């Protein structure tokens, strides 16, 4: 199935999901639950599709998005639990061509 974004919209996969715990560089396990205060932070997304009006980002780039500035997501593929999220363009904080260091990613875009 081909999924496209329209206009000034950005569709992306959350690759920095709260999975329960994250390991620090020193090896400490830190709680990272959705309802935990520590989980209220920006998240990294990998861009899947951009609308024709978007020129500042392209698919396969990474975006850091302010906490909660994305849709609930939709399950786009039958064979995967991955969800596509509609991002709030005004709340994209950073862009990266490369996978950001120090972040544990769940998985890449297929």
N, C-alpha and C. Protein backbone atom coordinates (compact mmCIF):
# COMPACT_ATOMS: atom_id res chain seq x y z
N UNK A 1 0.84 -1.17 0.00
CA UNK A 1 0.00 0.00 0.00
C UNK A 1 0.89 1.24 0.00
N UNK A 2 0.58 2.20 -0.86
CA UNK A 2 1.31 3.46 -0.92
C UNK A 2 0.56 4.51 -0.12
N UNK A 3 1.26 5.18 0.78
CA UNK A 3 0.66 6.22 1.60
C UNK A 3 1.35 7.53 1.28
N UNK A 4 0.57 8.56 1.00
CA UNK A 4 1.12 9.87 0.65
C UNK A 4 0.58 10.93 1.60
N UNK A 5 1.36 11.96 1.78
CA UNK A 5 0.92 13.12 2.57
C UNK A 5 0.47 14.21 1.60
N UNK A 6 -0.52 15.00 1.99
CA UNK A 6 -1.02 16.09 1.15
C UNK A 6 -0.64 17.44 1.72
N UNK A 7 -0.51 18.43 0.83
CA UNK A 7 -0.32 19.82 1.25
C UNK A 7 0.91 20.03 2.10
N UNK A 8 0.70 20.59 3.29
CA UNK A 8 1.83 20.90 4.18
C UNK A 8 1.91 19.91 5.34
N UNK A 9 1.60 18.66 5.08
CA UNK A 9 1.58 17.65 6.14
C UNK A 9 2.83 16.75 6.09
N UNK A 10 3.18 16.27 7.28
CA UNK A 10 4.32 15.35 7.42
C UNK A 10 3.82 14.10 8.12
N UNK A 11 4.06 12.94 7.52
CA UNK A 11 3.75 11.65 8.13
C UNK A 11 5.07 11.00 8.53
N UNK A 12 5.11 10.45 9.74
CA UNK A 12 6.37 9.88 10.23
C UNK A 12 6.11 8.73 11.19
N UNK A 13 7.14 7.94 11.40
CA UNK A 13 7.13 6.86 12.39
C UNK A 13 7.87 7.31 13.63
N UNK A 14 7.30 7.05 14.79
CA UNK A 14 7.98 7.37 16.05
C UNK A 14 9.03 6.29 16.28
N UNK A 15 10.28 6.68 16.29
CA UNK A 15 11.36 5.71 16.48
C UNK A 15 11.95 5.78 17.88
N UNK A 16 11.50 6.74 18.65
CA UNK A 16 11.98 6.96 20.01
C UNK A 16 10.80 6.74 20.96
N UNK A 17 10.20 5.55 20.89
CA UNK A 17 8.99 5.25 21.66
C UNK A 17 9.31 4.98 23.12
N UNK A 18 8.37 5.32 24.01
CA UNK A 18 8.54 4.91 25.41
C UNK A 18 8.32 3.40 25.50
N UNK A 19 9.32 2.66 25.90
CA UNK A 19 9.24 1.20 25.92
C UNK A 19 9.33 0.62 27.32
N UNK A 20 9.34 1.46 28.32
CA UNK A 20 9.44 0.97 29.69
C UNK A 20 10.69 1.50 30.36
N UNK A 21 11.86 1.15 29.80
CA UNK A 21 13.13 1.59 30.37
C UNK A 21 14.12 1.95 29.28
N UNK A 22 14.98 2.89 29.59
CA UNK A 22 16.09 3.24 28.70
C UNK A 22 17.37 3.06 29.50
N UNK A 23 18.43 2.70 28.80
CA UNK A 23 19.73 2.52 29.44
C UNK A 23 20.59 3.74 29.18
N UNK A 24 21.14 4.33 30.25
CA UNK A 24 22.02 5.48 30.11
C UNK A 24 23.38 5.01 29.61
N UNK A 25 24.25 5.96 29.24
CA UNK A 25 25.59 5.60 28.77
C UNK A 25 26.37 4.85 29.84
N UNK A 26 26.08 5.14 31.12
CA UNK A 26 26.80 4.46 32.20
C UNK A 26 26.17 3.13 32.57
N UNK A 27 25.05 2.77 31.92
CA UNK A 27 24.43 1.48 32.15
C UNK A 27 23.25 1.49 33.10
N UNK A 28 22.88 2.65 33.63
CA UNK A 28 21.73 2.73 34.53
C UNK A 28 20.43 2.60 33.75
N UNK A 29 19.46 1.89 34.32
CA UNK A 29 18.14 1.78 33.71
C UNK A 29 17.27 2.91 34.24
N UNK A 30 16.64 3.63 33.32
CA UNK A 30 15.81 4.78 33.67
C UNK A 30 14.40 4.52 33.17
N UNK A 31 13.40 4.70 34.05
CA UNK A 31 12.01 4.48 33.65
C UNK A 31 11.63 5.46 32.54
N UNK A 32 10.90 4.95 31.55
CA UNK A 32 10.46 5.78 30.42
C UNK A 32 9.05 5.36 30.04
N UNK A 33 8.11 5.63 30.91
CA UNK A 33 6.73 5.24 30.68
C UNK A 33 5.94 6.45 30.23
N UNK A 34 4.93 6.22 29.42
CA UNK A 34 4.11 7.30 28.88
C UNK A 34 3.54 8.20 29.96
N UNK A 35 3.05 7.65 31.04
CA UNK A 35 2.40 8.45 32.06
C UNK A 35 3.38 8.98 33.11
N UNK A 36 4.62 8.59 33.03
CA UNK A 36 5.65 9.03 33.96
C UNK A 36 6.12 10.43 33.58
N UNK A 37 6.44 11.26 34.54
CA UNK A 37 6.87 12.62 34.27
C UNK A 37 8.15 12.65 33.41
N UNK A 38 9.01 11.64 33.55
CA UNK A 38 10.24 11.59 32.76
C UNK A 38 9.97 11.34 31.28
N UNK A 39 8.80 10.81 30.96
CA UNK A 39 8.46 10.51 29.57
C UNK A 39 7.94 11.74 28.84
N UNK A 40 7.68 12.81 29.58
CA UNK A 40 7.20 14.03 28.95
C UNK A 40 8.41 14.78 28.41
N UNK A 41 8.72 14.48 27.17
CA UNK A 41 9.89 15.06 26.51
C UNK A 41 9.69 14.97 25.00
N UNK A 42 10.48 15.69 24.23
CA UNK A 42 10.39 15.57 22.77
C UNK A 42 10.74 14.14 22.34
N UNK A 43 10.22 13.74 21.19
CA UNK A 43 10.49 12.41 20.65
C UNK A 43 11.03 12.52 19.23
N UNK A 44 11.84 11.53 18.85
CA UNK A 44 12.39 11.46 17.50
C UNK A 44 11.46 10.68 16.59
N UNK A 45 11.28 11.18 15.39
CA UNK A 45 10.47 10.53 14.35
C UNK A 45 11.32 10.40 13.10
N UNK A 46 11.05 9.35 12.31
CA UNK A 46 11.69 9.20 11.01
C UNK A 46 10.62 9.50 9.97
N UNK A 47 10.89 10.47 9.11
CA UNK A 47 9.90 10.94 8.14
C UNK A 47 9.61 9.85 7.12
N UNK A 48 8.32 9.60 6.92
CA UNK A 48 7.87 8.60 5.95
C UNK A 48 7.43 9.27 4.65
N UNK A 49 6.64 10.34 4.76
CA UNK A 49 6.14 11.04 3.56
C UNK A 49 5.89 12.50 3.91
N UNK A 50 6.09 13.37 2.91
CA UNK A 50 5.82 14.80 3.09
C UNK A 50 4.92 15.28 1.95
N UNK A 51 4.08 16.27 2.27
CA UNK A 51 3.21 16.85 1.26
C UNK A 51 3.99 17.73 0.29
N UNK A 52 3.36 18.05 -0.82
CA UNK A 52 4.03 18.81 -1.89
C UNK A 52 4.41 20.23 -1.46
N UNK A 53 3.82 20.77 -0.41
CA UNK A 53 4.14 22.13 0.05
C UNK A 53 5.31 22.17 1.03
N UNK A 54 5.79 21.03 1.44
CA UNK A 54 6.91 20.95 2.40
C UNK A 54 8.22 20.85 1.63
N UNK A 55 9.12 21.80 1.90
CA UNK A 55 10.42 21.79 1.22
C UNK A 55 11.59 21.65 2.19
N UNK A 56 11.36 21.78 3.47
CA UNK A 56 12.45 21.82 4.44
C UNK A 56 12.82 20.46 5.02
N UNK A 57 12.04 19.43 4.71
CA UNK A 57 12.35 18.09 5.19
C UNK A 57 11.93 17.09 4.11
N UNK A 58 12.61 15.94 4.09
CA UNK A 58 12.27 14.92 3.10
C UNK A 58 12.24 13.54 3.76
N UNK A 59 11.62 12.57 3.12
CA UNK A 59 11.57 11.22 3.69
C UNK A 59 12.96 10.68 4.04
N UNK A 60 12.97 9.88 5.10
CA UNK A 60 14.17 9.23 5.63
C UNK A 60 14.97 10.14 6.57
N UNK A 61 14.62 11.41 6.71
CA UNK A 61 15.29 12.28 7.67
C UNK A 61 14.63 12.09 9.04
N UNK A 62 15.33 12.54 10.07
CA UNK A 62 14.83 12.43 11.44
C UNK A 62 14.40 13.80 11.94
N UNK A 63 13.27 13.84 12.66
CA UNK A 63 12.77 15.08 13.24
C UNK A 63 12.57 14.89 14.74
N UNK A 64 12.99 15.88 15.52
CA UNK A 64 12.70 15.92 16.94
C UNK A 64 11.48 16.80 17.11
N UNK A 65 10.42 16.26 17.71
CA UNK A 65 9.13 16.95 17.80
C UNK A 65 8.78 17.16 19.28
N UNK A 66 8.30 18.37 19.61
CA UNK A 66 7.91 18.70 20.97
C UNK A 66 6.88 17.68 21.49
N UNK A 67 6.93 17.42 22.78
CA UNK A 67 6.07 16.40 23.38
C UNK A 67 4.59 16.62 23.06
N UNK A 68 3.97 15.55 22.58
CA UNK A 68 2.54 15.55 22.34
C UNK A 68 2.08 16.27 21.08
N UNK A 69 3.00 16.73 20.26
CA UNK A 69 2.63 17.50 19.06
C UNK A 69 2.56 16.59 17.84
N UNK A 70 1.87 15.47 18.01
CA UNK A 70 1.64 14.52 16.93
C UNK A 70 0.27 13.89 17.15
N UNK A 71 -0.28 13.28 16.09
CA UNK A 71 -1.59 12.64 16.18
C UNK A 71 -1.49 11.34 16.98
N UNK A 72 -2.64 10.70 17.20
CA UNK A 72 -2.65 9.41 17.89
C UNK A 72 -2.01 8.31 17.06
N UNK A 73 -1.89 8.51 15.78
CA UNK A 73 -1.27 7.53 14.90
C UNK A 73 -2.28 6.53 14.37
N UNK A 74 -1.96 6.00 13.21
CA UNK A 74 -2.79 4.96 12.61
C UNK A 74 -1.91 3.78 12.25
N UNK A 75 -2.45 2.58 12.42
CA UNK A 75 -1.74 1.38 12.02
C UNK A 75 -1.86 1.27 10.50
N UNK A 76 -0.75 1.39 9.83
CA UNK A 76 -0.77 1.47 8.37
C UNK A 76 -0.47 0.15 7.66
N UNK A 77 0.10 -0.80 8.37
CA UNK A 77 0.48 -2.07 7.75
C UNK A 77 -0.08 -3.23 8.56
N UNK A 78 -0.58 -4.22 7.87
CA UNK A 78 -1.14 -5.39 8.54
C UNK A 78 -0.09 -6.24 9.23
N UNK A 79 1.10 -6.29 8.67
CA UNK A 79 2.16 -7.17 9.17
C UNK A 79 3.07 -6.52 10.20
N UNK A 80 2.67 -5.35 10.73
CA UNK A 80 3.52 -4.63 11.66
C UNK A 80 2.66 -3.85 12.67
N UNK A 81 3.22 -3.60 13.82
CA UNK A 81 2.54 -2.78 14.83
C UNK A 81 2.90 -1.31 14.71
N UNK A 82 3.73 -0.96 13.73
CA UNK A 82 4.13 0.43 13.54
C UNK A 82 2.93 1.30 13.21
N UNK A 83 2.97 2.53 13.69
CA UNK A 83 1.93 3.50 13.39
C UNK A 83 2.54 4.69 12.67
N UNK A 84 1.77 5.29 11.78
CA UNK A 84 2.15 6.54 11.14
C UNK A 84 1.50 7.67 11.91
N UNK A 85 2.27 8.73 12.17
CA UNK A 85 1.78 9.88 12.92
C UNK A 85 1.79 11.12 12.04
N UNK A 86 0.79 11.95 12.20
CA UNK A 86 0.75 13.26 11.55
C UNK A 86 1.41 14.23 12.53
N UNK A 87 2.48 14.91 12.08
CA UNK A 87 3.24 15.80 12.96
C UNK A 87 2.75 17.23 12.85
N UNK A 88 2.90 17.97 13.95
CA UNK A 88 2.61 19.41 13.96
C UNK A 88 3.86 20.12 13.43
N UNK A 89 3.78 20.65 12.23
CA UNK A 89 4.94 21.26 11.57
C UNK A 89 5.58 22.38 12.39
N UNK A 90 4.76 23.14 13.12
CA UNK A 90 5.28 24.26 13.90
C UNK A 90 6.05 23.82 15.15
N UNK A 91 5.93 22.55 15.51
CA UNK A 91 6.58 22.06 16.73
C UNK A 91 7.74 21.11 16.45
N UNK A 92 8.24 21.11 15.23
CA UNK A 92 9.44 20.34 14.90
C UNK A 92 10.63 21.15 15.38
N UNK A 93 11.41 20.59 16.28
CA UNK A 93 12.48 21.32 16.95
C UNK A 93 13.84 21.18 16.27
N UNK A 94 14.09 20.02 15.67
CA UNK A 94 15.39 19.73 15.07
C UNK A 94 15.22 18.78 13.91
N UNK A 95 16.17 18.82 13.01
CA UNK A 95 16.17 17.90 11.87
C UNK A 95 17.56 17.29 11.76
N UNK A 96 17.63 16.03 11.39
CA UNK A 96 18.91 15.35 11.26
C UNK A 96 18.89 14.44 10.04
N UNK A 97 19.97 14.50 9.28
CA UNK A 97 20.14 13.59 8.13
C UNK A 97 20.49 12.19 8.61
N UNK A 98 21.17 12.13 9.76
CA UNK A 98 21.66 10.86 10.29
C UNK A 98 20.90 10.49 11.55
N UNK A 99 20.96 9.24 11.84
CA UNK A 99 20.35 8.73 13.06
C UNK A 99 20.99 9.42 14.28
N UNK A 100 20.22 10.13 15.08
CA UNK A 100 20.80 10.84 16.22
C UNK A 100 21.45 9.88 17.22
N UNK A 101 22.59 10.29 17.75
CA UNK A 101 23.32 9.46 18.70
C UNK A 101 22.69 9.57 20.08
N UNK A 102 22.86 8.53 20.88
CA UNK A 102 22.38 8.54 22.25
C UNK A 102 20.89 8.24 22.40
N UNK A 103 20.24 7.86 21.30
CA UNK A 103 18.81 7.55 21.34
C UNK A 103 18.65 6.09 20.93
N UNK A 104 17.89 5.32 21.72
CA UNK A 104 17.63 3.92 21.38
C UNK A 104 16.39 3.88 20.49
N UNK A 105 16.56 3.48 19.26
CA UNK A 105 15.46 3.44 18.31
C UNK A 105 14.79 2.07 18.33
N UNK A 106 13.48 2.09 18.17
CA UNK A 106 12.72 0.84 18.18
C UNK A 106 13.00 0.06 16.91
N UNK A 107 12.85 0.70 15.74
CA UNK A 107 13.17 0.05 14.48
C UNK A 107 13.12 1.08 13.36
N UNK A 108 13.66 0.72 12.22
CA UNK A 108 13.68 1.61 11.07
C UNK A 108 12.41 1.48 10.25
N UNK A 109 12.22 2.45 9.36
CA UNK A 109 11.12 2.36 8.39
C UNK A 109 11.41 1.19 7.48
N UNK A 110 10.39 0.48 7.13
CA UNK A 110 10.56 -0.69 6.26
C UNK A 110 11.00 -0.28 4.87
